[in-house]
């Protein structure tokens, strides 16, 4: 006897291919990085908003204030599908997600994000730096930033500036490093 239709498995409707999480870049309005990050974090998205500590002056008072390492940008780690793309774009203060369309978003390589996270964790002094491509690419071989790769641009006796770049944004950050810990890649 044939099984009733209600007991047969339903065919998959519009089964989208499983996506893997990747790092995407959210472009925000001026000074809206924290606003966008907070809204999306409340919705359960994983975000990364790297900051630099800079001295600011308000009247006669000077203090250290965290400012975005890449002004106007927030990094999102998610497996973007059409639904989550729409949810992200609803955030107040967001201009757009970099890329051509919801299924063709620009992706930042994980190694670039991991290098920035290591700088934050190491709590080494860092400054914003012009985006560059020239120079010697090096890897740090010892200390809190072991295995971080970047471009060594300025050296003085024993010290140098290691530039970490996010190519998609054409932005970089420079960290002072001990040149004896850097090896050519």
N, C-alpha and C. Protein backbone atom coordinates (compact mmCIF):
# COMPACT_ATOMS: atom_id res chain seq x y z
N UNK A 1 0.84 -1.18 0.00
CA UNK A 1 0.00 0.00 0.00
C UNK A 1 0.89 1.24 0.00
N UNK A 2 0.54 2.27 -0.77
CA UNK A 2 1.32 3.49 -0.89
C UNK A 2 1.17 4.35 0.36
N UNK A 3 2.24 5.04 0.71
CA UNK A 3 2.21 5.93 1.88
C UNK A 3 1.43 7.17 1.53
N UNK A 4 0.67 7.69 2.49
CA UNK A 4 -0.06 8.94 2.23
C UNK A 4 0.92 10.07 1.93
N UNK A 5 0.47 10.98 1.08
CA UNK A 5 1.33 12.10 0.68
C UNK A 5 1.82 12.92 1.85
N UNK A 6 1.05 13.06 2.90
CA UNK A 6 1.43 13.88 4.05
C UNK A 6 2.67 13.32 4.75
N UNK A 7 2.96 12.04 4.61
CA UNK A 7 4.11 11.44 5.28
C UNK A 7 5.37 11.47 4.44
N UNK A 8 5.26 11.84 3.18
CA UNK A 8 6.43 11.90 2.32
C UNK A 8 7.23 13.16 2.64
N UNK A 9 8.57 13.09 2.53
CA UNK A 9 9.36 14.30 2.82
C UNK A 9 9.06 15.38 1.79
N UNK A 10 8.97 16.59 2.28
CA UNK A 10 8.69 17.73 1.40
C UNK A 10 9.94 18.06 0.60
N UNK A 11 9.78 18.44 -0.67
CA UNK A 11 10.96 18.82 -1.45
C UNK A 11 11.55 20.12 -0.90
N UNK A 12 12.86 20.26 -1.02
CA UNK A 12 13.52 21.48 -0.54
C UNK A 12 13.12 22.64 -1.44
N UNK A 13 12.68 23.72 -0.81
CA UNK A 13 12.28 24.90 -1.56
C UNK A 13 13.39 25.93 -1.50
N UNK A 14 13.90 26.31 -2.66
CA UNK A 14 14.94 27.33 -2.73
C UNK A 14 16.06 27.07 -1.75
N UNK A 15 16.58 25.90 -1.70
CA UNK A 15 17.68 25.58 -0.79
C UNK A 15 18.92 26.34 -1.23
N UNK A 16 19.28 27.34 -0.44
CA UNK A 16 20.47 28.14 -0.75
C UNK A 16 21.71 27.37 -0.32
N UNK A 17 22.80 27.51 -1.06
CA UNK A 17 24.02 26.82 -0.66
C UNK A 17 24.49 27.33 0.69
N UNK A 18 25.03 26.44 1.50
CA UNK A 18 25.53 26.84 2.82
C UNK A 18 26.72 27.78 2.63
N UNK A 19 26.70 28.88 3.31
CA UNK A 19 27.78 29.86 3.23
C UNK A 19 28.65 29.73 4.47
N UNK A 20 29.92 30.03 4.32
CA UNK A 20 30.82 30.02 5.46
C UNK A 20 31.05 31.46 5.91
N UNK A 21 31.27 31.66 7.20
CA UNK A 21 31.51 33.03 7.68
C UNK A 21 32.77 33.62 7.05
N UNK A 22 32.70 34.89 6.73
CA UNK A 22 33.84 35.63 6.18
C UNK A 22 33.81 37.03 6.78
N UNK A 23 34.89 37.75 6.59
CA UNK A 23 34.98 39.13 7.09
C UNK A 23 34.55 40.09 5.99
N UNK A 24 33.53 40.88 6.30
CA UNK A 24 33.02 41.89 5.38
C UNK A 24 33.24 43.27 5.98
N UNK A 25 33.19 44.30 5.14
CA UNK A 25 33.42 45.67 5.60
C UNK A 25 32.12 46.46 5.49
N UNK A 26 31.76 47.09 6.61
CA UNK A 26 30.59 47.96 6.65
C UNK A 26 31.09 49.40 6.60
N UNK A 27 30.60 50.15 5.65
CA UNK A 27 30.95 51.56 5.52
C UNK A 27 29.89 52.36 6.25
N UNK A 28 30.32 53.19 7.21
CA UNK A 28 29.36 53.93 8.03
C UNK A 28 29.42 55.43 7.75
N UNK A 29 28.41 56.11 8.23
CA UNK A 29 28.44 57.57 8.18
C UNK A 29 29.53 58.06 9.13
N UNK A 30 29.93 59.31 8.99
CA UNK A 30 30.96 59.88 9.84
C UNK A 30 30.60 59.74 11.32
N UNK A 31 31.52 59.25 12.11
CA UNK A 31 31.37 59.09 13.56
C UNK A 31 30.22 58.16 13.96
N UNK A 32 29.83 57.24 13.10
CA UNK A 32 28.73 56.32 13.41
C UNK A 32 29.20 54.87 13.57
N UNK A 33 30.50 54.66 13.66
CA UNK A 33 31.03 53.30 13.75
C UNK A 33 30.47 52.58 14.98
N UNK A 34 30.52 53.21 16.14
CA UNK A 34 30.05 52.59 17.39
C UNK A 34 28.54 52.36 17.33
N UNK A 35 27.78 53.30 16.80
CA UNK A 35 26.33 53.17 16.68
C UNK A 35 25.98 51.94 15.85
N UNK A 36 26.62 51.77 14.70
CA UNK A 36 26.36 50.62 13.83
C UNK A 36 26.77 49.33 14.53
N UNK A 37 27.95 49.32 15.12
CA UNK A 37 28.44 48.11 15.79
C UNK A 37 27.52 47.69 16.93
N UNK A 38 27.06 48.64 17.74
CA UNK A 38 26.18 48.32 18.86
C UNK A 38 24.84 47.76 18.40
N UNK A 39 24.26 48.36 17.35
CA UNK A 39 22.97 47.87 16.84
C UNK A 39 23.07 46.44 16.34
N UNK A 40 24.12 46.17 15.56
CA UNK A 40 24.27 44.84 14.97
C UNK A 40 24.67 43.81 16.01
N UNK A 41 25.46 44.20 16.99
CA UNK A 41 25.82 43.27 18.07
C UNK A 41 24.57 42.87 18.84
N UNK A 42 23.64 43.82 19.03
CA UNK A 42 22.38 43.51 19.72
C UNK A 42 21.54 42.51 18.93
N UNK A 43 21.73 42.45 17.62
CA UNK A 43 21.01 41.49 16.77
C UNK A 43 21.74 40.15 16.69
N UNK A 44 22.92 40.05 17.33
CA UNK A 44 23.65 38.79 17.35
C UNK A 44 24.75 38.66 16.32
N UNK A 45 25.08 39.73 15.61
CA UNK A 45 26.16 39.68 14.63
C UNK A 45 27.50 39.85 15.34
N UNK A 46 28.55 39.25 14.78
CA UNK A 46 29.90 39.37 15.33
C UNK A 46 30.61 40.49 14.58
N UNK A 47 31.04 41.51 15.34
CA UNK A 47 31.68 42.67 14.73
C UNK A 47 33.05 42.91 15.34
N UNK A 48 33.87 43.62 14.59
CA UNK A 48 35.19 44.01 15.06
C UNK A 48 35.38 45.48 14.72
N UNK A 49 35.53 46.30 15.76
CA UNK A 49 35.76 47.74 15.60
C UNK A 49 37.08 48.06 16.29
N UNK A 50 38.20 47.93 15.57
CA UNK A 50 39.49 48.22 16.20
C UNK A 50 39.64 49.71 16.47
N UNK A 51 40.24 50.04 17.62
CA UNK A 51 40.42 51.44 17.99
C UNK A 51 41.87 51.74 18.34
N UNK A 52 42.23 53.01 18.24
CA UNK A 52 43.52 53.52 18.65
C UNK A 52 43.28 54.52 19.77
N UNK A 53 44.18 54.57 20.74
CA UNK A 53 44.08 55.57 21.80
C UNK A 53 44.84 56.81 21.36
N UNK A 54 44.15 57.94 21.31
CA UNK A 54 44.78 59.21 20.93
C UNK A 54 44.50 60.25 21.99
N UNK A 55 45.44 61.19 22.12
CA UNK A 55 45.24 62.28 23.06
C UNK A 55 44.31 63.31 22.43
N UNK A 56 43.29 63.73 23.18
CA UNK A 56 42.38 64.76 22.71
C UNK A 56 42.33 65.88 23.74
N UNK A 57 41.89 67.03 23.29
CA UNK A 57 41.78 68.18 24.19
C UNK A 57 40.36 68.72 24.10
N UNK A 58 39.76 68.87 25.23
CA UNK A 58 38.43 69.48 25.31
C UNK A 58 38.56 70.62 26.32
N UNK A 59 38.61 71.83 25.80
CA UNK A 59 38.88 72.97 26.67
C UNK A 59 40.32 72.88 27.15
N UNK A 60 40.52 72.95 28.47
CA UNK A 60 41.87 72.85 29.04
C UNK A 60 42.21 71.41 29.41
N UNK A 61 41.24 70.50 29.30
CA UNK A 61 41.44 69.12 29.72
C UNK A 61 41.98 68.26 28.58
N UNK A 62 43.04 67.52 28.88
CA UNK A 62 43.60 66.56 27.91
C UNK A 62 43.34 65.16 28.42
N UNK A 63 42.95 64.27 27.52
CA UNK A 63 42.73 62.89 27.93
C UNK A 63 42.90 61.96 26.73
N UNK A 64 43.06 60.68 27.05
CA UNK A 64 43.19 59.66 26.01
C UNK A 64 41.80 59.17 25.64
N UNK A 65 41.51 59.17 24.34
CA UNK A 65 40.20 58.77 23.84
C UNK A 65 40.38 57.68 22.78
N UNK A 66 39.59 56.61 22.85
CA UNK A 66 39.67 55.62 21.77
C UNK A 66 38.96 56.14 20.52
N UNK A 67 39.64 56.04 19.39
CA UNK A 67 39.04 56.44 18.10
C UNK A 67 39.17 55.25 17.15
N UNK A 68 38.27 55.11 16.18
CA UNK A 68 38.36 53.99 15.25
C UNK A 68 39.70 53.97 14.51
N UNK A 69 40.28 52.79 14.41
CA UNK A 69 41.54 52.62 13.69
C UNK A 69 41.34 52.95 12.21
N UNK A 70 40.17 52.61 11.68
CA UNK A 70 39.82 52.89 10.29
C UNK A 70 38.51 53.69 10.31
N UNK A 71 38.59 55.02 10.41
CA UNK A 71 37.37 55.83 10.51
C UNK A 71 36.40 55.55 9.36
N UNK A 72 35.14 55.34 9.73
CA UNK A 72 34.11 55.10 8.73
C UNK A 72 33.88 53.64 8.40
N UNK A 73 34.61 52.73 9.07
CA UNK A 73 34.49 51.31 8.73
C UNK A 73 34.38 50.43 9.98
N UNK A 74 33.58 49.38 9.85
CA UNK A 74 33.42 48.35 10.88
C UNK A 74 33.51 47.01 10.15
N UNK A 75 34.13 46.02 10.79
CA UNK A 75 34.27 44.70 10.18
C UNK A 75 33.19 43.77 10.73
N UNK A 76 32.58 42.99 9.85
CA UNK A 76 31.52 42.05 10.19
C UNK A 76 31.97 40.64 9.84
N UNK A 77 31.87 39.72 10.80
CA UNK A 77 32.21 38.31 10.54
C UNK A 77 30.91 37.53 10.57
N UNK A 78 30.47 37.08 9.39
CA UNK A 78 29.18 36.41 9.29
C UNK A 78 29.11 35.64 7.97
N UNK A 79 28.23 34.67 7.93
CA UNK A 79 27.93 33.97 6.68
C UNK A 79 26.73 34.69 6.08
N UNK A 80 27.00 35.70 5.26
CA UNK A 80 25.93 36.55 4.73
C UNK A 80 25.06 35.81 3.72
N UNK A 81 23.77 35.77 4.02
CA UNK A 81 22.78 35.31 3.05
C UNK A 81 21.89 36.52 2.79
N UNK A 82 20.88 36.37 1.98
CA UNK A 82 20.05 37.52 1.61
C UNK A 82 19.37 38.12 2.83
N UNK A 83 18.86 37.27 3.73
CA UNK A 83 18.15 37.76 4.92
C UNK A 83 19.08 38.56 5.82
N UNK A 84 20.27 38.01 6.12
CA UNK A 84 21.18 38.71 7.03
C UNK A 84 21.74 39.97 6.37
N UNK A 85 21.92 39.97 5.07
CA UNK A 85 22.37 41.16 4.36
C UNK A 85 21.35 42.29 4.54
N UNK A 86 20.09 41.96 4.42
CA UNK A 86 19.03 42.97 4.61
C UNK A 86 19.01 43.45 6.06
N UNK A 87 19.15 42.53 7.02
CA UNK A 87 19.16 42.90 8.44
C UNK A 87 20.32 43.85 8.76
N UNK A 88 21.48 43.57 8.19
CA UNK A 88 22.64 44.43 8.43
C UNK A 88 22.39 45.81 7.84
N UNK A 89 21.84 45.86 6.63
CA UNK A 89 21.62 47.15 5.96
C UNK A 89 20.55 48.01 6.63
N UNK A 90 19.79 47.44 7.57
CA UNK A 90 18.78 48.22 8.30
C UNK A 90 19.40 49.08 9.39
N UNK A 91 20.66 48.85 9.73
CA UNK A 91 21.30 49.57 10.84
C UNK A 91 21.36 51.07 10.55
N UNK A 92 20.95 51.85 11.55
CA UNK A 92 21.03 53.30 11.46
C UNK A 92 22.51 53.71 11.42
N UNK A 93 22.88 54.60 10.53
CA UNK A 93 24.25 55.07 10.42
C UNK A 93 25.08 54.32 9.40
N UNK A 94 24.53 53.24 8.84
CA UNK A 94 25.26 52.45 7.85
C UNK A 94 25.06 53.06 6.46
N UNK A 95 26.14 53.20 5.70
CA UNK A 95 26.03 53.64 4.31
C UNK A 95 25.79 52.43 3.44
N UNK A 96 26.69 51.44 3.51
CA UNK A 96 26.55 50.22 2.72
C UNK A 96 27.51 49.14 3.20
N UNK A 97 27.34 47.96 2.66
CA UNK A 97 28.30 46.87 2.84
C UNK A 97 29.12 46.87 1.56
N UNK A 98 30.45 46.90 1.67
CA UNK A 98 31.27 46.98 0.46
C UNK A 98 31.10 45.74 -0.41
N UNK A 99 30.96 45.95 -1.70
CA UNK A 99 30.78 44.86 -2.66
C UNK A 99 29.75 45.25 -3.69
N UNK A 100 29.56 44.37 -4.68
CA UNK A 100 28.66 44.67 -5.79
C UNK A 100 27.19 44.39 -5.50
N UNK A 101 26.91 43.28 -4.84
CA UNK A 101 25.52 42.89 -4.57
C UNK A 101 25.52 42.00 -3.34
N UNK A 102 24.33 41.65 -2.84
CA UNK A 102 24.25 40.87 -1.61
C UNK A 102 24.99 39.54 -1.71
N UNK A 103 25.09 38.97 -2.90
CA UNK A 103 25.78 37.69 -3.07
C UNK A 103 27.20 37.85 -3.60
N UNK A 104 27.66 39.10 -3.76
CA UNK A 104 29.02 39.36 -4.24
C UNK A 104 29.66 40.46 -3.40
N UNK A 105 29.67 40.27 -2.09
CA UNK A 105 30.28 41.24 -1.19
C UNK A 105 31.79 41.10 -1.19
N UNK A 106 32.48 42.21 -1.01
CA UNK A 106 33.94 42.19 -0.91
C UNK A 106 34.34 41.58 0.43
N UNK A 107 35.34 40.71 0.39
CA UNK A 107 35.77 39.99 1.59
C UNK A 107 37.20 40.40 1.95
N UNK A 108 37.43 40.62 3.25
CA UNK A 108 38.77 40.91 3.76
C UNK A 108 39.39 39.57 4.17
N UNK A 109 40.60 39.27 3.75
CA UNK A 109 41.24 38.01 4.16
C UNK A 109 41.34 37.93 5.68
N UNK A 110 41.07 36.76 6.23
CA UNK A 110 41.08 36.56 7.68
C UNK A 110 42.44 36.89 8.28
N UNK A 111 43.53 36.65 7.54
CA UNK A 111 44.85 36.93 8.09
C UNK A 111 45.05 38.41 8.38
N UNK A 112 44.44 39.29 7.58
CA UNK A 112 44.55 40.73 7.82
C UNK A 112 43.81 41.12 9.10
N UNK A 113 42.63 40.55 9.32
CA UNK A 113 41.87 40.83 10.54
C UNK A 113 42.59 40.25 11.75
N UNK A 114 43.12 39.04 11.61
CA UNK A 114 43.84 38.40 12.72
C UNK A 114 45.06 39.23 13.12
N UNK A 115 45.76 39.82 12.15
CA UNK A 115 46.92 40.65 12.46
C UNK A 115 46.48 41.88 13.26
N UNK A 116 45.37 42.50 12.87
CA UNK A 116 44.87 43.67 13.62
C UNK A 116 44.45 43.26 15.03
N UNK A 117 43.81 42.10 15.17
CA UNK A 117 43.40 41.63 16.49
C UNK A 117 44.61 41.38 17.38
N UNK A 118 45.69 40.85 16.81
CA UNK A 118 46.90 40.62 17.59
C UNK A 118 47.50 41.93 18.08
N UNK A 119 47.46 42.97 17.26
CA UNK A 119 47.97 44.27 17.68
C UNK A 119 47.14 44.78 18.86
N UNK A 120 45.82 44.65 18.80
CA UNK A 120 44.94 45.11 19.88
C UNK A 120 45.26 44.31 21.15
N UNK A 121 45.36 42.98 21.03
CA UNK A 121 45.64 42.13 22.19
C UNK A 121 47.01 42.42 22.80
N UNK A 122 48.01 42.72 21.96
CA UNK A 122 49.37 42.97 22.44
C UNK A 122 49.48 44.33 23.14
N UNK A 123 48.50 45.19 22.92
CA UNK A 123 48.47 46.52 23.52
C UNK A 123 49.75 47.32 23.25
N UNK A 124 50.24 47.21 22.02
CA UNK A 124 51.41 47.98 21.62
C UNK A 124 50.94 49.31 21.04
N UNK A 125 51.75 50.36 21.21
CA UNK A 125 51.34 51.67 20.65
C UNK A 125 51.23 51.56 19.12
N UNK A 126 50.16 52.07 18.57
CA UNK A 126 49.94 52.06 17.13
C UNK A 126 49.42 53.42 16.69
N UNK A 127 49.73 53.77 15.47
CA UNK A 127 49.25 55.04 14.90
C UNK A 127 48.71 54.76 13.51
N UNK A 128 47.78 55.59 13.06
CA UNK A 128 47.28 55.47 11.69
C UNK A 128 48.43 55.76 10.75
N UNK A 129 48.44 55.09 9.62
CA UNK A 129 49.55 55.24 8.67
C UNK A 129 48.98 55.24 7.26
N UNK A 130 49.64 55.98 6.38
CA UNK A 130 49.21 56.00 4.99
C UNK A 130 49.28 54.60 4.40
N UNK A 131 48.34 54.27 3.54
CA UNK A 131 48.32 52.94 2.91
C UNK A 131 49.48 52.84 1.94
N UNK A 132 50.27 51.78 2.07
CA UNK A 132 51.42 51.61 1.19
C UNK A 132 51.49 50.18 0.70
N UNK A 133 52.20 49.96 -0.39
CA UNK A 133 52.46 48.62 -0.91
C UNK A 133 53.96 48.38 -1.06
N UNK A 134 54.75 49.46 -1.11
CA UNK A 134 56.18 49.27 -1.26
C UNK A 134 56.80 48.85 0.07
N UNK A 135 58.03 48.38 -0.01
CA UNK A 135 58.77 48.03 1.20
C UNK A 135 58.90 46.53 1.38
N UNK A 136 59.64 46.17 2.38
CA UNK A 136 59.93 44.76 2.66
C UNK A 136 58.82 44.16 3.51
N UNK A 137 58.28 43.06 3.05
CA UNK A 137 57.27 42.33 3.82
C UNK A 137 58.00 41.46 4.84
N UNK A 138 57.60 41.57 6.12
CA UNK A 138 58.29 40.84 7.18
C UNK A 138 57.29 40.11 8.06
N UNK A 139 57.82 39.16 8.82
CA UNK A 139 57.03 38.43 9.82
C UNK A 139 57.76 38.59 11.15
N UNK A 140 57.00 38.89 12.20
CA UNK A 140 57.57 38.99 13.54
C UNK A 140 57.76 37.57 14.07
N UNK A 141 58.96 37.27 14.60
CA UNK A 141 59.27 35.90 15.00
C UNK A 141 59.31 35.69 16.51
N UNK A 142 59.17 36.76 17.30
CA UNK A 142 59.22 36.62 18.75
C UNK A 142 58.39 37.71 19.40
N UNK A 143 57.95 37.47 20.62
CA UNK A 143 57.20 38.47 21.38
C UNK A 143 55.70 38.31 21.23
N UNK A 144 54.93 39.29 21.71
CA UNK A 144 53.47 39.17 21.72
C UNK A 144 52.84 39.19 20.33
N UNK A 145 53.58 39.61 19.32
CA UNK A 145 53.03 39.66 17.96
C UNK A 145 53.66 38.61 17.05
N UNK A 146 54.11 37.49 17.62
CA UNK A 146 54.72 36.42 16.84
C UNK A 146 53.81 36.00 15.68
N UNK A 147 54.40 35.85 14.49
CA UNK A 147 53.74 35.43 13.25
C UNK A 147 52.88 36.50 12.60
N UNK A 148 52.86 37.72 13.11
CA UNK A 148 52.15 38.81 12.44
C UNK A 148 53.02 39.27 11.28
N UNK A 149 52.41 39.42 10.10
CA UNK A 149 53.13 39.86 8.92
C UNK A 149 52.71 41.27 8.55
N UNK A 150 53.66 42.03 8.05
CA UNK A 150 53.38 43.39 7.60
C UNK A 150 54.55 43.91 6.79
N UNK A 151 54.54 45.20 6.50
CA UNK A 151 55.59 45.84 5.71
C UNK A 151 56.42 46.70 6.66
N UNK A 152 57.73 46.49 6.66
CA UNK A 152 58.63 47.29 7.47
C UNK A 152 59.01 48.53 6.68
N UNK A 153 58.69 49.72 7.21
CA UNK A 153 58.90 50.93 6.41
C UNK A 153 59.94 51.89 6.95
N UNK A 154 60.13 51.97 8.22
CA UNK A 154 61.08 52.94 8.74
C UNK A 154 61.92 52.26 9.81
N UNK A 155 63.20 52.44 9.73
CA UNK A 155 64.05 51.84 10.75
C UNK A 155 64.97 52.89 11.35
N UNK A 156 65.20 52.73 12.61
CA UNK A 156 66.25 53.46 13.31
C UNK A 156 66.98 52.38 14.10
N UNK A 157 68.01 52.69 14.81
CA UNK A 157 68.75 51.62 15.48
C UNK A 157 67.86 50.70 16.31
N UNK A 158 67.62 49.51 15.79
CA UNK A 158 66.85 48.50 16.52
C UNK A 158 65.35 48.64 16.45
N UNK A 159 64.82 49.75 15.92
CA UNK A 159 63.36 49.97 15.87
C UNK A 159 62.91 50.16 14.44
N UNK A 160 61.67 49.81 14.19
CA UNK A 160 61.09 50.01 12.87
C UNK A 160 59.59 50.15 12.99
N UNK A 161 58.96 50.54 11.91
CA UNK A 161 57.50 50.65 11.88
C UNK A 161 56.99 49.51 11.01
N UNK A 162 56.13 48.65 11.61
CA UNK A 162 55.51 47.56 10.88
C UNK A 162 54.14 48.05 10.46
N UNK A 163 53.87 48.06 9.17
CA UNK A 163 52.60 48.54 8.65
C UNK A 163 51.71 47.35 8.32
N UNK A 164 50.52 47.33 8.92
CA UNK A 164 49.51 46.30 8.66
C UNK A 164 48.43 46.94 7.81
N UNK A 165 48.12 46.33 6.69
CA UNK A 165 47.19 46.93 5.74
C UNK A 165 45.94 46.09 5.56
N UNK A 166 44.83 46.79 5.32
CA UNK A 166 43.59 46.15 4.88
C UNK A 166 43.44 46.62 3.44
N UNK A 167 43.82 45.75 2.51
CA UNK A 167 43.90 46.14 1.11
C UNK A 167 42.57 46.63 0.56
N UNK A 168 41.47 45.99 0.97
CA UNK A 168 40.17 46.37 0.45
C UNK A 168 39.84 47.83 0.76
N UNK A 169 40.27 48.31 1.94
CA UNK A 169 39.97 49.69 2.35
C UNK A 169 41.04 50.68 1.90
N UNK A 170 42.19 50.17 1.46
CA UNK A 170 43.34 51.02 1.16
C UNK A 170 43.70 51.85 2.39
N UNK A 171 43.71 51.19 3.53
CA UNK A 171 44.06 51.83 4.79
C UNK A 171 45.08 50.96 5.52
N UNK A 172 45.89 51.60 6.37
CA UNK A 172 46.93 50.89 7.10
C UNK A 172 47.05 51.45 8.50
N UNK A 173 47.70 50.68 9.36
CA UNK A 173 48.04 51.11 10.71
C UNK A 173 49.49 50.71 10.93
N UNK A 174 50.26 51.56 11.63
CA UNK A 174 51.68 51.29 11.86
C UNK A 174 51.92 51.02 13.33
N UNK A 175 52.79 50.05 13.59
CA UNK A 175 53.13 49.65 14.95
C UNK A 175 54.65 49.66 15.06
N UNK A 176 55.17 50.24 16.14
CA UNK A 176 56.61 50.21 16.33
C UNK A 176 57.03 48.83 16.80
N UNK A 177 58.07 48.27 16.16
CA UNK A 177 58.53 46.92 16.50
C UNK A 177 60.04 46.92 16.65
N UNK A 178 60.54 45.92 17.32
CA UNK A 178 61.98 45.68 17.43
C UNK A 178 62.41 44.96 16.15
N UNK A 179 63.29 45.56 15.38
CA UNK A 179 63.70 44.99 14.09
C UNK A 179 64.41 43.66 14.23
N UNK A 180 64.97 43.38 15.41
CA UNK A 180 65.64 42.10 15.58
C UNK A 180 64.64 40.95 15.61
N UNK A 181 63.34 41.25 15.78
CA UNK A 181 62.31 40.22 15.80
C UNK A 181 61.64 40.04 14.44
N UNK A 182 62.05 40.80 13.44
CA UNK A 182 61.43 40.73 12.11
C UNK A 182 62.31 39.93 11.16
N UNK A 183 61.68 39.06 10.37
CA UNK A 183 62.37 38.26 9.37
C UNK A 183 61.65 38.44 8.03
N UNK A 184 62.40 38.54 6.93
CA UNK A 184 61.75 38.64 5.61
C UNK A 184 60.88 37.41 5.33
N UNK A 185 59.77 37.66 4.66
CA UNK A 185 58.84 36.57 4.32
C UNK A 185 59.26 35.93 3.02
